[in-house]
């Protein structure tokens, strides 16, 4: 437990108009909040652990609470109750100064909609976090160029974001995150706005980079295929709760309830059909070999 890169313990987030204190142990109160238009219970008693070097994927439909969860890790959103430990440090008790240092050194985030600064060049966007950290101009330029090379954008340093494609902008976002050399990357649906082909290319790029960097990655998505491709471990969220977590293949093979079963049913059908086609091809190959062998025997006879 001490060795976990991220440990979330009984985390709650309740949005209310006045942001008042909420006793999450009061089940009658939580029930009344669920029935009210005055509040939203976005995260409910979530507990999970992410090991160093692991790609942990949180998957769920829109409104399931996954984006709120990832923002709580950075304290972009303050949780209502519970604990968040990152590299053994309790993020929930950090003051403003400690939180700033934590964000600068321990984590980096890749957002869904890039979050690039339009008036800065590609190189300046990638350098920006290093500039805030006080890194010298020479060093940050060198590191930014290396980061851009890793994501395949050498030669694009002096272009502006509005001249790039969606996939290229997302590569800049990834370069900006990895240049910080933080041990943990938080990725909130980073590829969801991309065309299917570019999205797959970006997944391949992430897998390649992870083989090289071995970062701890907390990855949020609503796409099961994406979760299966990039994830070492996976958690499925529904209505703010984690309803199942484990190896992606285990979740696919053994869904915990009807919700997860519906979530994975199309993927299971695809795999079953692929398995049936493979068996038919084996039978077909065997028949062809048998026919060929028989022809040789007849010819010899």
C-alpha atoms as a PDB file:
ATOM      1  CA  UNK A   1       0.000   0.000   0.000  1.00  0.00           C
ATOM      2  CA  UNK A   2       2.857   2.378   0.792  1.00  0.00           C
ATOM      3  CA  UNK A   3       4.311   1.716  -2.647  1.00  0.00           C
ATOM      4  CA  UNK A   4       1.205   2.803  -4.548  1.00  0.00           C
ATOM      5  CA  UNK A   5       1.699   5.708  -6.935  1.00  0.00           C
ATOM      6  CA  UNK A   6      -1.919   6.767  -6.370  1.00  0.00           C
ATOM      7  CA  UNK A   7      -4.208   5.609  -3.577  1.00  0.00           C
ATOM      8  CA  UNK A   8      -7.761   6.909  -3.346  1.00  0.00           C
ATOM      9  CA  UNK A   9      -9.647   6.113  -0.189  1.00  0.00           C
ATOM     10  CA  UNK A  10     -13.441   6.424   0.200  1.00  0.00           C
ATOM     11  CA  UNK A  11     -13.613   9.558  -1.977  1.00  0.00           C
ATOM     12  CA  UNK A  12     -16.798  11.604  -2.317  1.00  0.00           C
ATOM     13  CA  UNK A  13     -17.646  14.700  -4.306  1.00  0.00           C
ATOM     14  CA  UNK A  14     -21.010  16.387  -3.883  1.00  0.00           C
ATOM     15  CA  UNK A  15     -21.765  19.534  -5.861  1.00  0.00           C
ATOM     16  CA  UNK A  16     -24.106  21.910  -4.047  1.00  0.00           C
ATOM     17  CA  UNK A  17     -25.095  25.495  -4.702  1.00  0.00           C
ATOM     18  CA  UNK A  18     -23.506  26.832  -1.541  1.00  0.00           C
ATOM     19  CA  UNK A  19     -20.711  24.237  -1.346  1.00  0.00           C
ATOM     20  CA  UNK A  20     -21.765  23.471   2.225  1.00  0.00           C
ATOM     21  CA  UNK A  21     -20.285  20.673   4.329  1.00  0.00           C
ATOM     22  CA  UNK A  22     -21.943  17.336   3.650  1.00  0.00           C
ATOM     23  CA  UNK A  23     -22.005  14.370   6.012  1.00  0.00           C
ATOM     24  CA  UNK A  24     -21.542  11.554   3.489  1.00  0.00           C
ATOM     25  CA  UNK A  25     -22.230   8.986   6.225  1.00  0.00           C
ATOM     26  CA  UNK A  26     -25.816  10.277   6.464  1.00  0.00           C
ATOM     27  CA  UNK A  27     -27.547   7.987   3.962  1.00  0.00           C
ATOM     28  CA  UNK A  28     -30.877   9.775   4.327  1.00  0.00           C
ATOM     29  CA  UNK A  29     -29.161  13.044   3.414  1.00  0.00           C
ATOM     30  CA  UNK A  30     -27.459  11.462   0.374  1.00  0.00           C
ATOM     31  CA  UNK A  31     -30.778  10.027  -0.763  1.00  0.00           C
ATOM     32  CA  UNK A  32     -32.448  13.424  -0.434  1.00  0.00           C
ATOM     33  CA  UNK A  33     -29.612  15.037  -2.408  1.00  0.00           C
ATOM     34  CA  UNK A  34     -30.060  12.451  -5.166  1.00  0.00           C
ATOM     35  CA  UNK A  35     -33.727  13.362  -5.389  1.00  0.00           C
ATOM     36  CA  UNK A  36     -33.057  17.099  -5.286  1.00  0.00           C
ATOM     37  CA  UNK A  37     -32.295  19.534  -8.079  1.00  0.00           C
ATOM     38  CA  UNK A  38     -30.062  21.460  -5.667  1.00  0.00           C
ATOM     39  CA  UNK A  39     -27.124  19.034  -5.675  1.00  0.00           C
ATOM     40  CA  UNK A  40     -25.272  16.379  -7.674  1.00  0.00           C
ATOM     41  CA  UNK A  41     -23.499  13.453  -6.037  1.00  0.00           C
ATOM     42  CA  UNK A  42     -20.745  12.974  -8.633  1.00  0.00           C
ATOM     43  CA  UNK A  43     -18.350  10.589  -6.831  1.00  0.00           C
ATOM     44  CA  UNK A  44     -19.501   8.082  -4.197  1.00  0.00           C
ATOM     45  CA  UNK A  45     -17.089   6.284  -1.897  1.00  0.00           C
ATOM     46  CA  UNK A  46     -14.461   5.522  -4.558  1.00  0.00           C
ATOM     47  CA  UNK A  47     -11.410   3.545  -3.460  1.00  0.00           C
ATOM     48  CA  UNK A  48      -8.631   2.343  -5.764  1.00  0.00           C
ATOM     49  CA  UNK A  49      -4.873   1.931  -6.043  1.00  0.00           C
ATOM     50  CA  UNK A  50      -2.559   2.577  -8.992  1.00  0.00           C
ATOM     51  CA  UNK A  51       0.881   0.983  -8.977  1.00  0.00           C
ATOM     52  CA  UNK A  52       4.041   2.726 -10.269  1.00  0.00           C
ATOM     53  CA  UNK A  53       4.490   2.333 -14.021  1.00  0.00           C
ATOM     54  CA  UNK A  54       0.899   1.160 -14.489  1.00  0.00           C
ATOM     55  CA  UNK A  55      -1.651   2.469 -16.979  1.00  0.00           C
ATOM     56  CA  UNK A  56      -4.875   2.576 -14.964  1.00  0.00           C
ATOM     57  CA  UNK A  57      -7.978   3.274 -17.038  1.00  0.00           C
ATOM     58  CA  UNK A  58     -11.234   4.585 -15.597  1.00  0.00           C
ATOM     59  CA  UNK A  59     -14.093   3.940 -17.978  1.00  0.00           C
ATOM     60  CA  UNK A  60     -17.711   5.019 -17.867  1.00  0.00           C
ATOM     61  CA  UNK A  61     -20.488   6.755 -19.717  1.00  0.00           C
ATOM     62  CA  UNK A  62     -20.955  10.511 -19.691  1.00  0.00           C
ATOM     63  CA  UNK A  63     -22.015  11.615 -16.218  1.00  0.00           C
ATOM     64  CA  UNK A  64     -20.550   8.577 -14.465  1.00  0.00           C
ATOM     65  CA  UNK A  65     -18.125  10.726 -12.423  1.00  0.00           C
ATOM     66  CA  UNK A  66     -14.834   9.777 -14.079  1.00  0.00           C
ATOM     67  CA  UNK A  67     -13.784  13.324 -15.064  1.00  0.00           C
ATOM     68  CA  UNK A  68     -14.657  14.621 -11.601  1.00  0.00           C
ATOM     69  CA  UNK A  69     -12.517  11.838 -10.131  1.00  0.00           C
ATOM     70  CA  UNK A  70      -9.416  12.694 -12.157  1.00  0.00           C
ATOM     71  CA  UNK A  71      -9.768  16.396 -11.333  1.00  0.00           C
ATOM     72  CA  UNK A  72      -9.973  15.588  -7.639  1.00  0.00           C
ATOM     73  CA  UNK A  73      -6.531  13.958  -7.838  1.00  0.00           C
ATOM     74  CA  UNK A  74      -5.044  17.320  -8.836  1.00  0.00           C
ATOM     75  CA  UNK A  75      -7.391  19.213  -6.517  1.00  0.00           C
ATOM     76  CA  UNK A  76      -8.731  21.140  -9.496  1.00  0.00           C
ATOM     77  CA  UNK A  77     -11.911  20.118  -7.725  1.00  0.00           C
ATOM     78  CA  UNK A  78     -11.900  19.822  -3.947  1.00  0.00           C
ATOM     79  CA  UNK A  79     -13.396  16.526  -2.754  1.00  0.00           C
ATOM     80  CA  UNK A  80     -16.202  16.537  -0.224  1.00  0.00           C
ATOM     81  CA  UNK A  81     -14.759  13.639   1.785  1.00  0.00           C
ATOM     82  CA  UNK A  82     -12.099  10.956   1.575  1.00  0.00           C
ATOM     83  CA  UNK A  83      -8.349  10.830   1.014  1.00  0.00           C
ATOM     84  CA  UNK A  84      -6.047  10.970  -2.013  1.00  0.00           C
ATOM     85  CA  UNK A  85      -2.440   9.855  -1.613  1.00  0.00           C
ATOM     86  CA  UNK A  86       0.030  10.473  -4.441  1.00  0.00           C
ATOM     87  CA  UNK A  87       3.492   8.968  -3.917  1.00  0.00           C
ATOM     88  CA  UNK A  88       2.577   8.684  -0.248  1.00  0.00           C
ATOM     89  CA  UNK A  89       1.578  12.352   0.179  1.00  0.00           C
ATOM     90  CA  UNK A  90      -1.961  13.279   1.217  1.00  0.00           C
ATOM     91  CA  UNK A  91      -3.155  15.694  -1.458  1.00  0.00           C
ATOM     92  CA  UNK A  92      -6.355  16.502   0.408  1.00  0.00           C
ATOM     93  CA  UNK A  93      -4.551  18.301   3.246  1.00  0.00           C
ATOM     94  CA  UNK A  94      -2.104  20.320   1.148  1.00  0.00           C
ATOM     95  CA  UNK A  95      -2.139  24.102   1.471  1.00  0.00           C
ATOM     96  CA  UNK A  96      -1.955  26.373  -1.587  1.00  0.00           C
ATOM     97  CA  UNK A  97       1.856  26.464  -1.702  1.00  0.00           C
ATOM     98  CA  UNK A  98       2.206  22.706  -1.234  1.00  0.00           C
ATOM     99  CA  UNK A  99      -0.445  22.070  -3.863  1.00  0.00           C
ATOM    100  CA  UNK A 100       1.352  24.305  -6.366  1.00  0.00           C
ATOM    101  CA  UNK A 101       4.615  22.438  -5.831  1.00  0.00           C
ATOM    102  CA  UNK A 102       2.801  19.105  -6.087  1.00  0.00           C
ATOM    103  CA  UNK A 103       1.266  20.051  -9.438  1.00  0.00           C
ATOM    104  CA  UNK A 104       4.592  21.316 -10.780  1.00  0.00           C
ATOM    105  CA  UNK A 105       6.694  18.307  -9.824  1.00  0.00           C
ATOM    106  CA  UNK A 106       4.561  15.219  -9.208  1.00  0.00           C
ATOM    107  CA  UNK A 107       1.942  15.268 -11.954  1.00  0.00           C
ATOM    108  CA  UNK A 108       1.208  16.497 -15.454  1.00  0.00           C
ATOM    109  CA  UNK A 109      -2.190  16.555 -17.164  1.00  0.00           C
ATOM    110  CA  UNK A 110      -3.326  16.037 -20.740  1.00  0.00           C
ATOM    111  CA  UNK A 111      -6.762  17.536 -21.356  1.00  0.00           C
ATOM    112  CA  UNK A 112      -9.451  16.459 -23.794  1.00  0.00           C
ATOM    113  CA  UNK A 113      -9.514  19.770 -25.654  1.00  0.00           C
ATOM    114  CA  UNK A 114      -5.741  20.262 -25.819  1.00  0.00           C
ATOM    115  CA  UNK A 115      -5.646  23.427 -23.636  1.00  0.00           C
ATOM    116  CA  UNK A 116      -3.011  25.022 -25.856  1.00  0.00           C
ATOM    117  CA  UNK A 117      -2.240  28.741 -25.727  1.00  0.00           C
ATOM    118  CA  UNK A 118      -3.217  30.052 -29.193  1.00  0.00           C
ATOM    119  CA  UNK A 119      -0.878  33.072 -29.141  1.00  0.00           C
ATOM    120  CA  UNK A 120       2.193  30.918 -28.401  1.00  0.00           C
ATOM    121  CA  UNK A 121       4.086  28.706 -30.850  1.00  0.00           C
ATOM    122  CA  UNK A 122       4.268  24.947 -30.513  1.00  0.00           C
ATOM    123  CA  UNK A 123       7.684  25.227 -28.869  1.00  0.00           C
ATOM    124  CA  UNK A 124       6.500  27.961 -26.495  1.00  0.00           C
ATOM    125  CA  UNK A 125       3.475  25.880 -25.519  1.00  0.00           C
ATOM    126  CA  UNK A 126       5.657  22.895 -24.669  1.00  0.00           C
ATOM    127  CA  UNK A 127       8.143  25.082 -22.765  1.00  0.00           C
ATOM    128  CA  UNK A 128       5.501  26.906 -20.762  1.00  0.00           C
ATOM    129  CA  UNK A 129       5.416  24.640 -17.711  1.00  0.00           C
ATOM    130  CA  UNK A 130       9.201  24.642 -17.492  1.00  0.00           C
ATOM    131  CA  UNK A 131       9.214  28.443 -17.684  1.00  0.00           C
ATOM    132  CA  UNK A 132       6.848  28.614 -14.719  1.00  0.00           C
ATOM    133  CA  UNK A 133       9.158  26.256 -12.819  1.00  0.00           C
ATOM    134  CA  UNK A 134      12.034  28.670 -13.409  1.00  0.00           C
ATOM    135  CA  UNK A 135      14.047  26.472 -15.771  1.00  0.00           C
ATOM    136  CA  UNK A 136      16.580  28.454 -17.822  1.00  0.00           C
ATOM    137  CA  UNK A 137      15.661  29.359 -21.397  1.00  0.00           C
ATOM    138  CA  UNK A 138      18.405  27.215 -22.902  1.00  0.00           C
ATOM    139  CA  UNK A 139      17.487  24.116 -20.905  1.00  0.00           C
ATOM    140  CA  UNK A 140      13.741  24.408 -21.443  1.00  0.00           C
ATOM    141  CA  UNK A 141      14.212  24.888 -25.198  1.00  0.00           C
ATOM    142  CA  UNK A 142      16.420  21.811 -25.398  1.00  0.00           C
ATOM    143  CA  UNK A 143      14.005  19.716 -23.353  1.00  0.00           C
ATOM    144  CA  UNK A 144      10.991  20.942 -25.319  1.00  0.00           C
ATOM    145  CA  UNK A 145      12.653  20.000 -28.629  1.00  0.00           C
ATOM    146  CA  UNK A 146      13.451  16.521 -27.324  1.00  0.00           C
ATOM    147  CA  UNK A 147       9.839  16.143 -26.157  1.00  0.00           C
ATOM    148  CA  UNK A 148       8.502  17.242 -29.550  1.00  0.00           C
ATOM    149  CA  UNK A 149      10.809  14.767 -31.254  1.00  0.00           C
ATOM    150  CA  UNK A 150       9.388  11.973 -29.079  1.00  0.00           C
ATOM    151  CA  UNK A 151       5.851  12.701 -30.323  1.00  0.00           C
ATOM    152  CA  UNK A 152       6.899  13.121 -33.937  1.00  0.00           C
ATOM    153  CA  UNK A 153       6.675  16.908 -34.222  1.00  0.00           C
ATOM    154  CA  UNK A 154      10.249  17.915 -34.993  1.00  0.00           C
ATOM    155  CA  UNK A 155      10.148  20.786 -37.482  1.00  0.00           C
ATOM    156  CA  UNK A 156       6.856  22.175 -36.177  1.00  0.00           C
ATOM    157  CA  UNK A 157       8.345  24.222 -33.324  1.00  0.00           C
ATOM    158  CA  UNK A 158       7.542  27.645 -34.800  1.00  0.00           C
ATOM    159  CA  UNK A 159       3.978  26.943 -35.930  1.00  0.00           C
ATOM    160  CA  UNK A 160       0.923  28.134 -34.004  1.00  0.00           C
ATOM    161  CA  UNK A 161      -1.820  25.777 -32.747  1.00  0.00           C
ATOM    162  CA  UNK A 162      -4.448  27.015 -35.238  1.00  0.00           C
ATOM    163  CA  UNK A 163      -2.293  25.737 -38.123  1.00  0.00           C
ATOM    164  CA  UNK A 164      -2.195  22.175 -36.745  1.00  0.00           C
ATOM    165  CA  UNK A 165      -4.594  19.271 -37.167  1.00  0.00           C
ATOM    166  CA  UNK A 166      -6.455  17.875 -34.168  1.00  0.00           C
ATOM    167  CA  UNK A 167      -4.058  14.954 -33.859  1.00  0.00           C
ATOM    168  CA  UNK A 168      -1.055  17.247 -34.002  1.00  0.00           C
ATOM    169  CA  UNK A 169      -2.507  19.524 -31.338  1.00  0.00           C
ATOM    170  CA  UNK A 170      -3.021  16.528 -29.088  1.00  0.00           C
ATOM    171  CA  UNK A 171       0.603  15.516 -29.686  1.00  0.00           C
ATOM    172  CA  UNK A 172       1.633  18.993 -28.523  1.00  0.00           C
ATOM    173  CA  UNK A 173      -0.468  18.466 -25.399  1.00  0.00           C
ATOM    174  CA  UNK A 174       1.290  15.171 -24.720  1.00  0.00           C
ATOM    175  CA  UNK A 175       4.715  16.728 -25.394  1.00  0.00           C
ATOM    176  CA  UNK A 176       3.885  19.514 -22.936  1.00  0.00           C
ATOM    177  CA  UNK A 177       3.054  16.913 -20.304  1.00  0.00           C
ATOM    178  CA  UNK A 178       6.050  14.622 -20.786  1.00  0.00           C
ATOM    179  CA  UNK A 179       8.571  17.511 -20.944  1.00  0.00           C
ATOM    180  CA  UNK A 180       7.849  18.119 -17.258  1.00  0.00           C
ATOM    181  CA  UNK A 181       9.291  14.670 -16.489  1.00  0.00           C
ATOM    182  CA  UNK A 182       6.655  14.148 -13.797  1.00  0.00           C
ATOM    183  CA  UNK A 183       6.285  10.554 -12.583  1.00  0.00           C
ATOM    184  CA  UNK A 184       2.488  10.627 -13.027  1.00  0.00           C
ATOM    185  CA  UNK A 185       0.450  11.548 -16.109  1.00  0.00           C
ATOM    186  CA  UNK A 186      -3.272  12.283 -15.799  1.00  0.00           C
ATOM    187  CA  UNK A 187      -5.155  11.975 -19.100  1.00  0.00           C
ATOM    188  CA  UNK A 188      -8.812  13.030 -19.288  1.00  0.00           C
ATOM    189  CA  UNK A 189     -10.327  11.566 -22.483  1.00  0.00           C
ATOM    190  CA  UNK A 190      -7.363  12.894 -24.457  1.00  0.00           C
ATOM    191  CA  UNK A 191      -8.314  11.278 -27.782  1.00  0.00           C
ATOM    192  CA  UNK A 192     -12.118  11.452 -27.718  1.00  0.00           C
ATOM    193  CA  UNK A 193     -12.365  14.449 -30.082  1.00  0.00           C
ATOM    194  CA  UNK A 194     -10.247  12.853 -32.794  1.00  0.00           C
ATOM    195  CA  UNK A 195     -11.245  10.976 -35.942  1.00  0.00           C
ATOM    196  CA  UNK A 196     -11.133   7.152 -35.515  1.00  0.00           C
ATOM    197  CA  UNK A 197      -7.970   6.646 -37.572  1.00  0.00           C
ATOM    198  CA  UNK A 198      -6.079   9.478 -35.842  1.00  0.00           C
ATOM    199  CA  UNK A 199      -7.388   8.273 -32.496  1.00  0.00           C
ATOM    200  CA  UNK A 200      -5.908   4.832 -33.090  1.00  0.00           C
ATOM    201  CA  UNK A 201      -2.608   6.405 -34.157  1.00  0.00           C
ATOM    202  CA  UNK A 202      -2.530   8.412 -30.919  1.00  0.00           C
ATOM    203  CA  UNK A 203      -3.231   5.262 -28.888  1.00  0.00           C
ATOM    204  CA  UNK A 204      -0.323   3.582 -30.659  1.00  0.00           C
ATOM    205  CA  UNK A 205       1.827   6.624 -29.885  1.00  0.00           C
ATOM    206  CA  UNK A 206       0.908   6.485 -26.202  1.00  0.00           C
ATOM    207  CA  UNK A 207       1.705   2.770 -26.041  1.00  0.00           C
ATOM    208  CA  UNK A 208       5.079   3.405 -27.716  1.00  0.00           C
ATOM    209  CA  UNK A 209       5.904   6.290 -25.377  1.00  0.00           C
ATOM    210  CA  UNK A 210       4.924   4.257 -22.329  1.00  0.00           C
ATOM    211  CA  UNK A 211       7.288   1.451 -23.355  1.00  0.00           C
ATOM    212  CA  UNK A 212      10.035   4.081 -23.368  1.00  0.00           C
ATOM    213  CA  UNK A 213       9.083   6.209 -20.346  1.00  0.00           C
ATOM    214  CA  UNK A 214       7.377   3.785 -17.915  1.00  0.00           C
ATOM    215  CA  UNK A 215       5.235   6.521 -16.369  1.00  0.00           C
ATOM    216  CA  UNK A 216       2.295   5.981 -14.067  1.00  0.00           C
ATOM    217  CA  UNK A 217      -0.735   6.936 -16.172  1.00  0.00           C
ATOM    218  CA  UNK A 218      -4.266   7.572 -14.913  1.00  0.00           C
ATOM    219  CA  UNK A 219      -6.382   7.513 -18.068  1.00  0.00           C
ATOM    220  CA  UNK A 220     -10.082   8.384 -18.346  1.00  0.00           C
ATOM    221  CA  UNK A 221     -12.188   7.269 -21.301  1.00  0.00           C
ATOM    222  CA  UNK A 222     -15.713   6.239 -22.312  1.00  0.00           C
ATOM    223  CA  UNK A 223     -14.404   3.944 -25.074  1.00  0.00           C
ATOM    224  CA  UNK A 224     -14.014   0.244 -24.246  1.00  0.00           C
ATOM    225  CA  UNK A 225     -11.744  -0.517 -27.204  1.00  0.00           C
ATOM    226  CA  UNK A 226      -9.422   2.264 -26.067  1.00  0.00           C
ATOM    227  CA  UNK A 227      -9.464   1.009 -22.490  1.00  0.00           C
ATOM    228  CA  UNK A 228      -8.621  -2.523 -23.631  1.00  0.00           C
ATOM    229  CA  UNK A 229      -5.759  -1.309 -25.846  1.00  0.00           C
ATOM    230  CA  UNK A 230      -3.941   1.017 -23.456  1.00  0.00           C
ATOM    231  CA  UNK A 231      -4.861  -0.201 -19.974  1.00  0.00           C
ATOM    232  CA  UNK A 232      -2.998  -2.522 -17.605  1.00  0.00           C
ATOM    233  CA  UNK A 233      -5.817  -2.209 -15.068  1.00  0.00           C
ATOM    234  CA  UNK A 234      -9.331  -0.872 -15.506  1.00  0.00           C
ATOM    235  CA  UNK A 235     -12.190   0.400 -13.355  1.00  0.00           C
ATOM    236  CA  UNK A 236     -15.772   0.814 -14.574  1.00  0.00           C
ATOM    237  CA  UNK A 237     -17.797   3.679 -13.079  1.00  0.00           C
ATOM    238  CA  UNK A 238     -21.554   4.137 -12.882  1.00  0.00           C
ATOM    239  CA  UNK A 239     -23.379   6.938 -11.065  1.00  0.00           C
ATOM    240  CA  UNK A 240     -20.219   7.972  -9.222  1.00  0.00           C
ATOM    241  CA  UNK A 241     -19.328   4.476  -8.003  1.00  0.00           C
ATOM    242  CA  UNK A 242     -16.792   1.937  -9.182  1.00  0.00           C
ATOM    243  CA  UNK A 243     -18.816  -1.158  -9.993  1.00  0.00           C
ATOM    244  CA  UNK A 244     -15.873  -3.327 -11.085  1.00  0.00           C
ATOM    245  CA  UNK A 245     -12.103  -3.087 -11.350  1.00  0.00           C
ATOM    246  CA  UNK A 246      -9.339  -5.439 -12.410  1.00  0.00           C
ATOM    247  CA  UNK A 247      -7.539  -6.637 -15.523  1.00  0.00           C
ATOM    248  CA  UNK A 248      -9.369  -5.517 -18.691  1.00  0.00           C
ATOM    249  CA  UNK A 249      -9.512  -9.089 -19.991  1.00  0.00           C
ATOM    250  CA  UNK A 250     -11.048 -10.333 -16.712  1.00  0.00           C
ATOM    251  CA  UNK A 251     -13.690  -7.606 -16.776  1.00  0.00           C
ATOM    252  CA  UNK A 252     -14.485  -8.479 -20.371  1.00  0.00           C
ATOM    253  CA  UNK A 253     -14.749 -12.201 -19.578  1.00  0.00           C
ATOM    254  CA  UNK A 254     -16.452 -11.907 -16.199  1.00  0.00           C
ATOM    255  CA  UNK A 255     -18.611  -8.745 -15.904  1.00  0.00           C
ATOM    256  CA  UNK A 256     -19.691  -8.126 -12.330  1.00  0.00           C
ATOM    257  CA  UNK A 257     -23.268  -7.067 -13.075  1.00  0.00           C
ATOM    258  CA  UNK A 258     -25.754  -6.339 -15.862  1.00  0.00           C
ATOM    259  CA  UNK A 259     -24.427  -2.801 -16.342  1.00  0.00           C
ATOM    260  CA  UNK A 260     -20.880  -3.980 -17.010  1.00  0.00           C
ATOM    261  CA  UNK A 261     -22.220  -6.845 -19.148  1.00  0.00           C
ATOM    262  CA  UNK A 262     -24.084  -4.371 -21.356  1.00  0.00           C
ATOM    263  CA  UNK A 263     -21.011  -2.176 -21.502  1.00  0.00           C
ATOM    264  CA  UNK A 264     -18.810  -4.999 -22.818  1.00  0.00           C
ATOM    265  CA  UNK A 265     -21.342  -7.015 -24.828  1.00  0.00           C
ATOM    266  CA  UNK A 266     -20.393  -5.603 -28.244  1.00  0.00           C
ATOM    267  CA  UNK A 267     -16.705  -6.260 -27.614  1.00  0.00           C
ATOM    268  CA  UNK A 268     -17.442  -9.803 -26.494  1.00  0.00           C
ATOM    269  CA  UNK A 269     -19.461 -10.418 -29.658  1.00  0.00           C
ATOM    270  CA  UNK A 270     -16.597  -9.087 -31.780  1.00  0.00           C
ATOM    271  CA  UNK A 271     -14.146 -11.447 -30.091  1.00  0.00           C
ATOM    272  CA  UNK A 272     -16.526 -14.395 -30.391  1.00  0.00           C
ATOM    273  CA  UNK A 273     -17.015 -13.725 -34.098  1.00  0.00           C
ATOM    274  CA  UNK A 274     -13.252 -13.400 -34.591  1.00  0.00           C
ATOM    275  CA  UNK A 275     -12.749 -16.687 -32.744  1.00  0.00           C
ATOM    276  CA  UNK A 276     -15.368 -18.428 -34.892  1.00  0.00           C
ATOM    277  CA  UNK A 277     -13.752 -17.088 -38.079  1.00  0.00           C
ATOM    278  CA  UNK A 278     -10.353 -18.322 -36.898  1.00  0.00           C
ATOM    279  CA  UNK A 279     -11.773 -21.803 -36.252  1.00  0.00           C
ATOM    280  CA  UNK A 280     -13.393 -21.869 -39.704  1.00  0.00           C
ATOM    281  CA  UNK A 281     -10.079 -20.857 -41.283  1.00  0.00           C
ATOM    282  CA  UNK A 282      -8.296 -23.696 -39.444  1.00  0.00           C
ATOM    283  CA  UNK A 283     -10.909 -26.190 -40.659  1.00  0.00           C
ATOM    284  CA  UNK A 284     -10.683 -24.804 -44.183  1.00  0.00           C
ATOM    285  CA  UNK A 285      -6.872 -25.050 -44.169  1.00  0.00           C
ATOM    286  CA  UNK A 286      -7.087 -28.628 -42.893  1.00  0.00           C
ATOM    287  CA  UNK A 287      -9.575 -29.582 -45.615  1.00  0.00           C
ATOM    288  CA  UNK A 288      -7.342 -28.046 -48.282  1.00  0.00           C
ATOM    289  CA  UNK A 289      -4.325 -29.956 -46.974  1.00  0.00           C
ATOM    290  CA  UNK A 290      -6.324 -33.204 -46.861  1.00  0.00           C
ATOM    291  CA  UNK A 291      -7.537 -32.630 -50.422  1.00  0.00           C
ATOM    292  CA  UNK A 292      -4.017 -31.821 -51.569  1.00  0.00           C
ATOM    293  CA  UNK A 293      -2.596 -34.923 -49.873  1.00  0.00           C
ATOM    294  CA  UNK A 294      -5.279 -37.108 -51.417  1.00  0.00           C
ATOM    295  CA  UNK A 295      -4.441 -35.699 -54.856  1.00  0.00           C
ATOM    296  CA  UNK A 296      -0.781 -36.553 -54.393  1.00  0.00           C
ATOM    297  CA  UNK A 297      -1.625 -40.095 -53.294  1.00  0.00           C
ATOM    298  CA  UNK A 298      -3.981 -40.609 -56.257  1.00  0.00           C
ATOM    299  CA  UNK A 299      -1.331 -39.296 -58.638  1.00  0.00           C
ATOM    300  CA  UNK A 300       1.300 -41.673 -57.218  1.00  0.00           C
ATOM    301  CA  UNK A 301      -1.113 -44.561 -57.359  1.00  0.00           C
END
